[in-house]
Amino acid sequence: PYKKPEADWSRKALAEVREAFLLRRPAVICSHRI
């Protein structure tokens, strides 16, 4: 969220989790301390 605070990052990340699971891969979430 630090990159673009006004964006809906939870929705964006959820879509990427869904894609990972559809491909039968672990969803590895990248987030930084900032």
Full PDB file with SEQRES, HELIX, SHEET, SSBOND, CRYST1, ORIGX, SCALE, CONECT and MASTER records, all heavy atoms in Angstrom:
SEQRES   1 A   34  PRO TYR LYS LYS PRO GLU ALA ASP TRP SER ARG LYS ALA          
SEQRES   2 A   34  LEU ALA GLU VAL ARG GLU ALA PHE LEU LEU ARG ARG PRO          
SEQRES   3 A   34  ALA VAL ILE CYS SER HIS ARG ILE                              
HELIX    1 AA1 TRP A    9  LEU A   22  1                                  14    
CRYST1    1.000    1.000    1.000  90.00  90.00  90.00 P 1           1          
ORIGX1      1.000000  0.000000  0.000000        0.00000                         
ORIGX2      0.000000  1.000000  0.000000        0.00000                         
ORIGX3      0.000000  0.000000  1.000000        0.00000                         
SCALE1      1.000000  0.000000  0.000000        0.00000                         
SCALE2      0.000000  1.000000  0.000000        0.00000                         
SCALE3      0.000000  0.000000  1.000000        0.00000                         
ATOM      1  N   PRO A   1       0.796  -1.237   0.000  1.00  0.00           N  
ATOM      2  CA  PRO A   1       0.000   0.000   0.000  1.00  0.00           C  
ATOM      3  C   PRO A   1       0.827   1.285   0.000  1.00  0.00           C  
ATOM      4  O   PRO A   1       0.314   2.331  -0.424  1.00  0.00           O  
ATOM      5  CB  PRO A   1      -0.825  -0.125   1.288  1.00  0.00           C  
ATOM      6  CG  PRO A   1      -0.940  -1.598   1.506  1.00  0.00           C  
ATOM      7  CD  PRO A   1       0.380  -2.156   1.072  1.00  0.00           C  
ATOM      8  N   TYR A   2       2.078   1.232   0.455  1.00  0.00           N  
ATOM      9  CA  TYR A   2       2.879   2.458   0.473  1.00  0.00           C  
ATOM     10  C   TYR A   2       3.099   2.996  -0.937  1.00  0.00           C  
ATOM     11  O   TYR A   2       3.299   4.202  -1.128  1.00  0.00           O  
ATOM     12  CB  TYR A   2       4.222   2.219   1.170  1.00  0.00           C  
ATOM     13  CG  TYR A   2       5.283   1.593   0.304  1.00  0.00           C  
ATOM     14  CD1 TYR A   2       6.222   2.387  -0.365  1.00  0.00           C  
ATOM     15  CD2 TYR A   2       5.365   0.214   0.156  1.00  0.00           C  
ATOM     16  CE1 TYR A   2       7.202   1.808  -1.166  1.00  0.00           C  
ATOM     17  CE2 TYR A   2       6.346  -0.360  -0.636  1.00  0.00           C  
ATOM     18  CZ  TYR A   2       7.256   0.440  -1.290  1.00  0.00           C  
ATOM     19  OH  TYR A   2       8.226  -0.132  -2.082  1.00  0.00           O  
ATOM     20  N   LYS A   3       3.065   2.116  -1.942  1.00  0.00           N  
ATOM     21  CA  LYS A   3       3.324   2.553  -3.311  1.00  0.00           C  
ATOM     22  C   LYS A   3       2.187   3.410  -3.864  1.00  0.00           C  
ATOM     23  O   LYS A   3       2.415   4.334  -4.648  1.00  0.00           O  
ATOM     24  CB  LYS A   3       3.539   1.338  -4.221  1.00  0.00           C  
ATOM     25  CG  LYS A   3       4.850   0.614  -3.977  1.00  0.00           C  
ATOM     26  CD  LYS A   3       5.052  -0.490  -4.999  1.00  0.00           C  
ATOM     27  CE  LYS A   3       6.422  -1.136  -4.842  1.00  0.00           C  
ATOM     28  NZ  LYS A   3       6.642  -2.204  -5.855  1.00  0.00           N  
ATOM     29  N   LYS A   4       0.963   3.080  -3.461  1.00  0.00           N  
ATOM     30  CA  LYS A   4      -0.210   3.810  -3.957  1.00  0.00           C  
ATOM     31  C   LYS A   4      -1.303   3.686  -2.903  1.00  0.00           C  
ATOM     32  O   LYS A   4      -2.183   2.826  -2.987  1.00  0.00           O  
ATOM     33  CB  LYS A   4      -0.661   3.234  -5.304  1.00  0.00           C  
ATOM     34  CG  LYS A   4      -1.633   4.105  -6.063  1.00  0.00           C  
ATOM     35  CD  LYS A   4      -1.918   3.518  -7.447  1.00  0.00           C  
ATOM     36  CE  LYS A   4      -2.872   4.414  -8.219  1.00  0.00           C  
ATOM     37  NZ  LYS A   4      -3.180   3.859  -9.568  1.00  0.00           N  
ATOM     38  N   PRO A   5      -1.279   4.546  -1.879  1.00  0.00           N  
ATOM     39  CA  PRO A   5      -2.177   4.387  -0.721  1.00  0.00           C  
ATOM     40  C   PRO A   5      -3.658   4.395  -1.071  1.00  0.00           C  
ATOM     41  O   PRO A   5      -4.462   3.796  -0.354  1.00  0.00           O  
ATOM     42  CB  PRO A   5      -1.817   5.589   0.168  1.00  0.00           C  
ATOM     43  CG  PRO A   5      -0.437   5.971  -0.247  1.00  0.00           C  
ATOM     44  CD  PRO A   5      -0.348   5.675  -1.704  1.00  0.00           C  
ATOM     45  N   GLU A   6      -4.045   5.053  -2.161  1.00  0.00           N  
ATOM     46  CA  GLU A   6      -5.470   5.143  -2.495  1.00  0.00           C  
ATOM     47  C   GLU A   6      -5.993   3.890  -3.186  1.00  0.00           C  
ATOM     48  O   GLU A   6      -7.201   3.726  -3.377  1.00  0.00           O  
ATOM     49  CB  GLU A   6      -5.725   6.362  -3.388  1.00  0.00           C  
ATOM     50  CG  GLU A   6      -5.137   6.281  -4.791  1.00  0.00           C  
ATOM     51  CD  GLU A   6      -3.669   6.684  -4.875  1.00  0.00           C  
ATOM     52  OE1 GLU A   6      -3.047   6.857  -3.806  1.00  0.00           O  
ATOM     53  OE2 GLU A   6      -3.161   6.825  -6.002  1.00  0.00           O  
ATOM     54  N   ALA A   7      -5.104   2.966  -3.578  1.00  0.00           N  
ATOM     55  CA  ALA A   7      -5.528   1.765  -4.310  1.00  0.00           C  
ATOM     56  C   ALA A   7      -6.103   0.716  -3.358  1.00  0.00           C  
ATOM     57  O   ALA A   7      -5.828   0.717  -2.149  1.00  0.00           O  
ATOM     58  CB  ALA A   7      -4.343   1.179  -5.074  1.00  0.00           C  
ATOM     59  N   ASP A   8      -6.891  -0.192  -3.913  1.00  0.00           N  
ATOM     60  CA  ASP A   8      -7.476  -1.293  -3.151  1.00  0.00           C  
ATOM     61  C   ASP A   8      -6.528  -2.482  -3.240  1.00  0.00           C  
ATOM     62  O   ASP A   8      -6.697  -3.376  -4.071  1.00  0.00           O  
ATOM     63  CB  ASP A   8      -8.853  -1.651  -3.706  1.00  0.00           C  
ATOM     64  CG  ASP A   8      -9.606  -2.643  -2.825  1.00  0.00           C  
ATOM     65  OD1 ASP A   8      -8.957  -3.287  -1.966  1.00  0.00           O  
ATOM     66  OD2 ASP A   8     -10.823  -2.788  -2.996  1.00  0.00           O  
ATOM     67  N   TRP A   9      -5.526  -2.497  -2.382  1.00  0.00           N  
ATOM     68  CA  TRP A   9      -4.498  -3.531  -2.432  1.00  0.00           C  
ATOM     69  C   TRP A   9      -5.016  -4.886  -1.959  1.00  0.00           C  
ATOM     70  O   TRP A   9      -4.531  -5.925  -2.403  1.00  0.00           O  
ATOM     71  CB  TRP A   9      -3.283  -3.107  -1.612  1.00  0.00           C  
ATOM     72  CG  TRP A   9      -2.443  -2.118  -2.341  1.00  0.00           C  
ATOM     73  CD1 TRP A   9      -2.570  -0.760  -2.343  1.00  0.00           C  
ATOM     74  CD2 TRP A   9      -1.363  -2.416  -3.236  1.00  0.00           C  
ATOM     75  NE1 TRP A   9      -1.637  -0.188  -3.171  1.00  0.00           N  
ATOM     76  CE2 TRP A   9      -0.881  -1.178  -3.722  1.00  0.00           C  
ATOM     77  CE3 TRP A   9      -0.751  -3.596  -3.651  1.00  0.00           C  
ATOM     78  CZ2 TRP A   9       0.192  -1.098  -4.619  1.00  0.00           C  
ATOM     79  CZ3 TRP A   9       0.313  -3.524  -4.539  1.00  0.00           C  
ATOM     80  CH2 TRP A   9       0.771  -2.287  -5.022  1.00  0.00           C  
ATOM     81  N   SER A  10      -5.987  -4.883  -1.051  1.00  0.00           N  
ATOM     82  CA  SER A  10      -6.526  -6.166  -0.592  1.00  0.00           C  
ATOM     83  C   SER A  10      -7.234  -6.887  -1.740  1.00  0.00           C  
ATOM     84  O   SER A  10      -7.088  -8.108  -1.911  1.00  0.00           O  
ATOM     85  CB  SER A  10      -7.488  -5.956   0.587  1.00  0.00           C  
ATOM     86  OG  SER A  10      -8.589  -5.158   0.210  1.00  0.00           O  
ATOM     87  N   ARG A  11      -7.953  -6.140  -2.550  1.00  0.00           N  
ATOM     88  CA  ARG A  11      -8.635  -6.743  -3.695  1.00  0.00           C  
ATOM     89  C   ARG A  11      -7.629  -7.239  -4.736  1.00  0.00           C  
ATOM     90  O   ARG A  11      -7.780  -8.341  -5.278  1.00  0.00           O  
ATOM     91  CB  ARG A  11      -9.584  -5.713  -4.322  1.00  0.00           C  
ATOM     92  CG  ARG A  11     -10.387  -6.243  -5.505  1.00  0.00           C  
ATOM     93  CD  ARG A  11     -11.343  -5.178  -6.005  1.00  0.00           C  
ATOM     94  NE  ARG A  11     -12.112  -5.646  -7.150  1.00  0.00           N  
ATOM     95  CZ  ARG A  11     -13.013  -4.921  -7.785  1.00  0.00           C  
ATOM     96  NH1 ARG A  11     -13.284  -3.683  -7.372  1.00  0.00           N  
ATOM     97  NH2 ARG A  11     -13.667  -5.410  -8.816  1.00  0.00           N  
ATOM     98  N   LYS A  12      -6.622  -6.421  -5.020  1.00  0.00           N  
ATOM     99  CA  LYS A  12      -5.597  -6.800  -5.994  1.00  0.00           C  
ATOM    100  C   LYS A  12      -4.861  -8.068  -5.542  1.00  0.00           C  
ATOM    101  O   LYS A  12      -4.661  -9.008  -6.321  1.00  0.00           O  
ATOM    102  CB  LYS A  12      -4.605  -5.648  -6.164  1.00  0.00           C  
ATOM    103  CG  LYS A  12      -3.428  -5.941  -7.083  1.00  0.00           C  
ATOM    104  CD  LYS A  12      -2.508  -4.730  -7.148  1.00  0.00           C  
ATOM    105  CE  LYS A  12      -1.300  -5.013  -8.031  1.00  0.00           C  
ATOM    106  NZ  LYS A  12      -0.427  -6.056  -7.474  1.00  0.00           N  
ATOM    107  N   ALA A  13      -4.463  -8.093  -4.274  1.00  0.00           N  
ATOM    108  CA  ALA A  13      -3.735  -9.252  -3.760  1.00  0.00           C  
ATOM    109  C   ALA A  13      -4.614 -10.499  -3.749  1.00  0.00           C  
ATOM    110  O   ALA A  13      -4.141 -11.602  -4.041  1.00  0.00           O  
ATOM    111  CB  ALA A  13      -3.207  -8.957  -2.353  1.00  0.00           C  
ATOM    112  N   LEU A  14      -5.887 -10.325  -3.424  1.00  0.00           N  
ATOM    113  CA  LEU A  14      -6.794 -11.471  -3.401  1.00  0.00           C  
ATOM    114  C   LEU A  14      -6.903 -12.110  -4.790  1.00  0.00           C  
ATOM    115  O   LEU A  14      -6.938 -13.344  -4.920  1.00  0.00           O  
ATOM    116  CB  LEU A  14      -8.175 -11.037  -2.903  1.00  0.00           C  
ATOM    117  CG  LEU A  14      -9.145 -12.174  -2.613  1.00  0.00           C  
ATOM    118  CD1 LEU A  14      -8.692 -12.976  -1.407  1.00  0.00           C  
ATOM    119  CD2 LEU A  14     -10.554 -11.618  -2.379  1.00  0.00           C  
ATOM    120  N   ALA A  15      -6.936 -11.287  -5.822  1.00  0.00           N  
ATOM    121  CA  ALA A  15      -6.988 -11.815  -7.189  1.00  0.00           C  
ATOM    122  C   ALA A  15      -5.726 -12.613  -7.516  1.00  0.00           C  
ATOM    123  O   ALA A  15      -5.785 -13.652  -8.189  1.00  0.00           O  
ATOM    124  CB  ALA A  15      -7.164 -10.672  -8.183  1.00  0.00           C  
ATOM    125  N   GLU A  16      -4.588 -12.158  -7.016  1.00  0.00           N  
ATOM    126  CA  GLU A  16      -3.329 -12.870  -7.262  1.00  0.00           C  
ATOM    127  C   GLU A  16      -3.264 -14.174  -6.470  1.00  0.00           C  
ATOM    128  O   GLU A  16      -2.714 -15.172  -6.944  1.00  0.00           O  
ATOM    129  CB  GLU A  16      -2.144 -11.960  -6.933  1.00  0.00           C  
ATOM    130  CG  GLU A  16      -2.015 -10.796  -7.899  1.00  0.00           C  
ATOM    131  CD  GLU A  16      -1.000  -9.759  -7.476  1.00  0.00           C  
ATOM    132  OE1 GLU A  16      -0.690  -9.670  -6.263  1.00  0.00           O  
ATOM    133  OE2 GLU A  16      -0.512  -9.021  -8.353  1.00  0.00           O  
ATOM    134  N   VAL A  17      -3.832 -14.181  -5.258  1.00  0.00           N  
ATOM    135  CA  VAL A  17      -3.930 -15.420  -4.480  1.00  0.00           C  
ATOM    136  C   VAL A  17      -4.791 -16.428  -5.243  1.00  0.00           C  
ATOM    137  O   VAL A  17      -4.441 -17.609  -5.365  1.00  0.00           O  
ATOM    138  CB  VAL A  17      -4.521 -15.151  -3.081  1.00  0.00           C  
ATOM    139  CG1 VAL A  17      -4.818 -16.466  -2.362  1.00  0.00           C  
ATOM    140  CG2 VAL A  17      -3.574 -14.300  -2.250  1.00  0.00           C  
ATOM    141  N   ARG A  18      -5.911 -15.960  -5.760  1.00  0.00           N  
ATOM    142  CA  ARG A  18      -6.813 -16.831  -6.516  1.00  0.00           C  
ATOM    143  C   ARG A  18      -6.096 -17.438  -7.730  1.00  0.00           C  
ATOM    144  O   ARG A  18      -6.213 -18.635  -7.995  1.00  0.00           O  
ATOM    145  CB  ARG A  18      -8.043 -16.049  -6.970  1.00  0.00           C  
ATOM    146  CG  ARG A  18      -9.047 -16.856  -7.800  1.00  0.00           C  
ATOM    147  CD  ARG A  18     -10.272 -16.009  -8.130  1.00  0.00           C  
ATOM    148  NE  ARG A  18     -11.215 -16.747  -8.947  1.00  0.00           N  
ATOM    149  CZ  ARG A  18     -11.159 -16.820 -10.285  1.00  0.00           C  
ATOM    150  NH1 ARG A  18     -10.206 -16.169 -10.941  1.00  0.00           N  
ATOM    151  NH2 ARG A  18     -12.053 -17.519 -10.957  1.00  0.00           N  
ATOM    152  N   GLU A  19      -5.347 -16.617  -8.437  1.00  0.00           N  
ATOM    153  CA  GLU A  19      -4.626 -17.119  -9.616  1.00  0.00           C  
ATOM    154  C   GLU A  19      -3.610 -18.184  -9.216  1.00  0.00           C  
ATOM    155  O   GLU A  19      -3.486 -19.221  -9.873  1.00  0.00           O  
ATOM    156  CB  GLU A  19      -3.916 -15.967 -10.329  1.00  0.00           C  
ATOM    157  CG  GLU A  19      -3.136 -16.409 -11.562  1.00  0.00           C  
ATOM    158  CD  GLU A  19      -2.429 -15.259 -12.247  1.00  0.00           C  
ATOM    159  OE1 GLU A  19      -2.583 -14.092 -11.813  1.00  0.00           O  
ATOM    160  OE2 GLU A  19      -1.695 -15.517 -13.218  1.00  0.00           O  
ATOM    161  N   ALA A  20      -2.873 -17.945  -8.116  1.00  0.00           N  
ATOM    162  CA  ALA A  20      -1.893 -18.916  -7.648  1.00  0.00           C  
ATOM    163  C   ALA A  20      -2.557 -20.247  -7.304  1.00  0.00           C  
ATOM    164  O   ALA A  20      -2.069 -21.324  -7.687  1.00  0.00           O  
ATOM    165  CB  ALA A  20      -1.140 -18.368  -6.432  1.00  0.00           C  
ATOM    166  N   PHE A  21      -3.686 -20.195  -6.604  1.00  0.00           N  
ATOM    167  CA  PHE A  21      -4.365 -21.425  -6.202  1.00  0.00           C  
ATOM    168  C   PHE A  21      -4.949 -22.167  -7.408  1.00  0.00           C  
ATOM    169  O   PHE A  21      -4.946 -23.389  -7.443  1.00  0.00           O  
ATOM    170  CB  PHE A  21      -5.447 -21.112  -5.175  1.00  0.00           C  
ATOM    171  CG  PHE A  21      -4.923 -20.748  -3.808  1.00  0.00           C  
ATOM    172  CD1 PHE A  21      -5.767 -20.251  -2.828  1.00  0.00           C  
ATOM    173  CD2 PHE A  21      -3.581 -20.899  -3.487  1.00  0.00           C  
ATOM    174  CE1 PHE A  21      -5.287 -19.934  -1.559  1.00  0.00           C  
ATOM    175  CE2 PHE A  21      -3.089 -20.570  -2.235  1.00  0.00           C  
ATOM    176  CZ  PHE A  21      -3.946 -20.088  -1.271  1.00  0.00           C  
ATOM    177  N   LEU A  22      -5.427 -21.405  -8.393  1.00  0.00           N  
ATOM    178  CA  LEU A  22      -5.933 -22.041  -9.605  1.00  0.00           C  
ATOM    179  C   LEU A  22      -4.823 -22.814 -10.326  1.00  0.00           C  
ATOM    180  O   LEU A  22      -5.066 -23.858 -10.935  1.00  0.00           O  
ATOM    181  CB  LEU A  22      -6.542 -21.004 -10.551  1.00  0.00           C  
ATOM    182  CG  LEU A  22      -7.924 -20.460 -10.173  1.00  0.00           C  
ATOM    183  CD1 LEU A  22      -8.315 -19.312 -11.094  1.00  0.00           C  
ATOM    184  CD2 LEU A  22      -8.980 -21.571 -10.233  1.00  0.00           C  
ATOM    185  N   LEU A  23      -3.608 -22.312 -10.238  1.00  0.00           N  
ATOM    186  CA  LEU A  23      -2.457 -22.963 -10.861  1.00  0.00           C  
ATOM    187  C   LEU A  23      -1.820 -24.001  -9.928  1.00  0.00           C  
ATOM    188  O   LEU A  23      -0.757 -24.545 -10.248  1.00  0.00           O  
ATOM    189  CB  LEU A  23      -1.422 -21.914 -11.266  1.00  0.00           C  
ATOM    190  CG  LEU A  23      -1.875 -20.926 -12.351  1.00  0.00           C  
ATOM    191  CD1 LEU A  23      -0.838 -19.818 -12.539  1.00  0.00           C  
ATOM    192  CD2 LEU A  23      -2.124 -21.650 -13.670  1.00  0.00           C  
ATOM    193  N   ARG A  24      -2.458 -24.225  -8.777  1.00  0.00           N  
ATOM    194  CA  ARG A  24      -1.985 -25.199  -7.780  1.00  0.00           C  
ATOM    195  C   ARG A  24      -0.572 -24.860  -7.304  1.00  0.00           C  
ATOM    196  O   ARG A  24       0.315 -25.714  -7.215  1.00  0.00           O  
ATOM    197  CB  ARG A  24      -2.051 -26.631  -8.342  1.00  0.00           C  
ATOM    198  CG  ARG A  24      -3.469 -27.049  -8.740  1.00  0.00           C  
ATOM    199  CD  ARG A  24      -3.550 -28.485  -9.206  1.00  0.00           C  
ATOM    200  NE  ARG A  24      -3.199 -29.417  -8.134  1.00  0.00           N  
ATOM    201  CZ  ARG A  24      -4.014 -29.783  -7.159  1.00  0.00           C  
ATOM    202  NH1 ARG A  24      -5.248 -29.293  -7.099  1.00  0.00           N  
ATOM    203  NH2 ARG A  24      -3.626 -30.647  -6.246  1.00  0.00           N  
ATOM    204  N   ARG A  25      -0.390 -23.590  -7.013  1.00  0.00           N  
ATOM    205  CA  ARG A  25       0.885 -23.099  -6.495  1.00  0.00           C  
ATOM    206  C   ARG A  25       0.653 -22.385  -5.174  1.00  0.00           C  
ATOM    207  O   ARG A  25      -0.433 -21.856  -4.925  1.00  0.00           O  
ATOM    208  CB  ARG A  25       1.533 -22.129  -7.498  1.00  0.00           C  
ATOM    209  CG  ARG A  25       1.969 -22.809  -8.786  1.00  0.00           C  
ATOM    210  CD  ARG A  25       2.456 -21.803  -9.795  1.00  0.00           C  
ATOM    211  NE  ARG A  25       2.836 -22.457 -11.049  1.00  0.00           N  
ATOM    212  CZ  ARG A  25       3.003 -21.821 -12.192  1.00  0.00           C  
ATOM    213  NH1 ARG A  25       2.810 -20.521 -12.256  1.00  0.00           N  
ATOM    214  NH2 ARG A  25       3.352 -22.492 -13.288  1.00  0.00           N  
ATOM    215  N   PRO A  26       1.646 -22.343  -4.314  1.00  0.00           N  
ATOM    216  CA  PRO A  26       1.498 -21.562  -3.083  1.00  0.00           C  
ATOM    217  C   PRO A  26       1.399 -20.075  -3.414  1.00  0.00           C  
ATOM    218  O   PRO A  26       2.043 -19.592  -4.354  1.00  0.00           O  
ATOM    219  CB  PRO A  26       2.778 -21.874  -2.302  1.00  0.00           C  
ATOM    220  CG  PRO A  26       3.772 -22.279  -3.350  1.00  0.00           C  
ATOM    221  CD  PRO A  26       2.983 -22.971  -4.422  1.00  0.00           C  
ATOM    222  N   ALA A  27       0.600 -19.371  -2.661  1.00  0.00           N  
ATOM    223  CA  ALA A  27       0.509 -17.915  -2.795  1.00  0.00           C  
ATOM    224  C   ALA A  27       1.515 -17.305  -1.825  1.00  0.00           C  
ATOM    225  O   ALA A  27       1.344 -17.388  -0.612  1.00  0.00           O  
ATOM    226  CB  ALA A  27      -0.909 -17.446  -2.483  1.00  0.00           C  
ATOM    227  N   VAL A  28       2.563 -16.718  -2.370  1.00  0.00           N  
ATOM    228  CA  VAL A  28       3.631 -16.134  -1.552  1.00  0.00           C  
ATOM    229  C   VAL A  28       3.471 -14.620  -1.594  1.00  0.00           C  
ATOM    230  O   VAL A  28       3.718 -13.978  -2.609  1.00  0.00           O  
ATOM    231  CB  VAL A  28       5.018 -16.550  -2.074  1.00  0.00           C  
ATOM    232  CG1 VAL A  28       6.112 -15.964  -1.181  1.00  0.00           C  
ATOM    233  CG2 VAL A  28       5.132 -18.073  -2.124  1.00  0.00           C  
ATOM    234  N   ILE A  29       3.038 -14.057  -0.468  1.00  0.00           N  
ATOM    235  CA  ILE A  29       2.695 -12.637  -0.408  1.00  0.00           C  
ATOM    236  C   ILE A  29       3.933 -11.815  -0.071  1.00  0.00           C  
ATOM    237  O   ILE A  29       4.596 -12.059   0.938  1.00  0.00           O  
ATOM    238  CB  ILE A  29       1.599 -12.389   0.634  1.00  0.00           C  
ATOM    239  CG1 ILE A  29       0.339 -13.200   0.285  1.00  0.00           C  
ATOM    240  CG2 ILE A  29       1.265 -10.897   0.722  1.00  0.00           C  
ATOM    241  CD1 ILE A  29      -0.750 -13.127   1.336  1.00  0.00           C  
ATOM    242  N   CYS A  30       4.217 -10.850  -0.906  1.00  0.00           N  
ATOM    243  CA  CYS A  30       5.343  -9.937  -0.693  1.00  0.00           C  
ATOM    244  C   CYS A  30       4.815  -8.627  -0.108  1.00  0.00           C  
ATOM    245  O   CYS A  30       3.920  -7.994  -0.672  1.00  0.00           O  
ATOM    246  CB  CYS A  30       6.053  -9.682  -2.026  1.00  0.00           C  
ATOM    247  SG  CYS A  30       7.367  -8.443  -1.927  1.00  0.00           S  
ATOM    248  N   SER A  31       5.373  -8.237   1.031  1.00  0.00           N  
ATOM    249  CA  SER A  31       5.033  -6.954   1.637  1.00  0.00           C  
ATOM    250  C   SER A  31       6.249  -6.469   2.402  1.00  0.00           C  
ATOM    251  O   SER A  31       7.015  -7.272   2.947  1.00  0.00           O  
ATOM    252  CB  SER A  31       3.831  -7.101   2.579  1.00  0.00           C  
ATOM    253  OG  SER A  31       3.343  -5.836   2.972  1.00  0.00           O  
ATOM    254  N   HIS A  32       6.440  -5.173   2.459  1.00  0.00           N  
ATOM    255  CA  HIS A  32       7.632  -4.616   3.095  1.00  0.00           C  
ATOM    256  C   HIS A  32       7.292  -3.868   4.381  1.00  0.00           C  
ATOM    257  O   HIS A  32       6.172  -3.386   4.568  1.00  0.00           O  
ATOM    258  CB  HIS A  32       8.370  -3.686   2.124  1.00  0.00           C  
ATOM    259  CG  HIS A  32       9.146  -4.414   1.078  1.00  0.00           C  
ATOM    260  ND1 HIS A  32       8.556  -4.996  -0.022  1.00  0.00           N  
ATOM    261  CD2 HIS A  32      10.480  -4.684   0.984  1.00  0.00           C  
ATOM    262  CE1 HIS A  32       9.488  -5.579  -0.768  1.00  0.00           C  
ATOM    263  NE2 HIS A  32      10.659  -5.404  -0.175  1.00  0.00           N  
ATOM    264  N   ARG A  33       8.288  -3.756   5.226  1.00  0.00           N  
ATOM    265  CA  ARG A  33       8.140  -3.121   6.531  1.00  0.00           C  
ATOM    266  C   ARG A  33       7.568  -1.712   6.421  1.00  0.00           C  
ATOM    267  O   ARG A  33       6.798  -1.264   7.284  1.00  0.00           O  
ATOM    268  CB  ARG A  33       9.507  -3.093   7.221  1.00  0.00           C  
ATOM    269  CG  ARG A  33       9.533  -2.399   8.574  1.00  0.00           C  
ATOM    270  CD  ARG A  33      10.964  -2.400   9.126  1.00  0.00           C  
ATOM    271  NE  ARG A  33      11.041  -1.759  10.427  1.00  0.00           N  
ATOM    272  CZ  ARG A  33      11.223  -0.460  10.598  1.00  0.00           C  
ATOM    273  NH1 ARG A  33      11.325   0.348   9.556  1.00  0.00           N  
ATOM    274  NH2 ARG A  33      11.287   0.052  11.818  1.00  0.00           N  
ATOM    275  N   ILE A  34       7.935  -1.004   5.347  1.00  0.00           N  
ATOM    276  CA  ILE A  34       7.502   0.387   5.204  1.00  0.00           C  
ATOM    277  C   ILE A  34       5.984   0.509   5.220  1.00  0.00           C  
ATOM    278  O   ILE A  34       5.432   1.543   5.605  1.00  0.00           O  
ATOM    279  CB  ILE A  34       8.082   0.986   3.899  1.00  0.00           C  
ATOM    280  CG1 ILE A  34       7.847   2.496   3.841  1.00  0.00           C  
ATOM    281  CG2 ILE A  34       7.506   0.301   2.662  1.00  0.00           C  
ATOM    282  CD1 ILE A  34       8.533   3.181   2.680  1.00  0.00           C  
TER     283      ILE A  34                                                      
MASTER        0    0    0    1    0    0    0    6  282    1    0    3          
END                                                                             
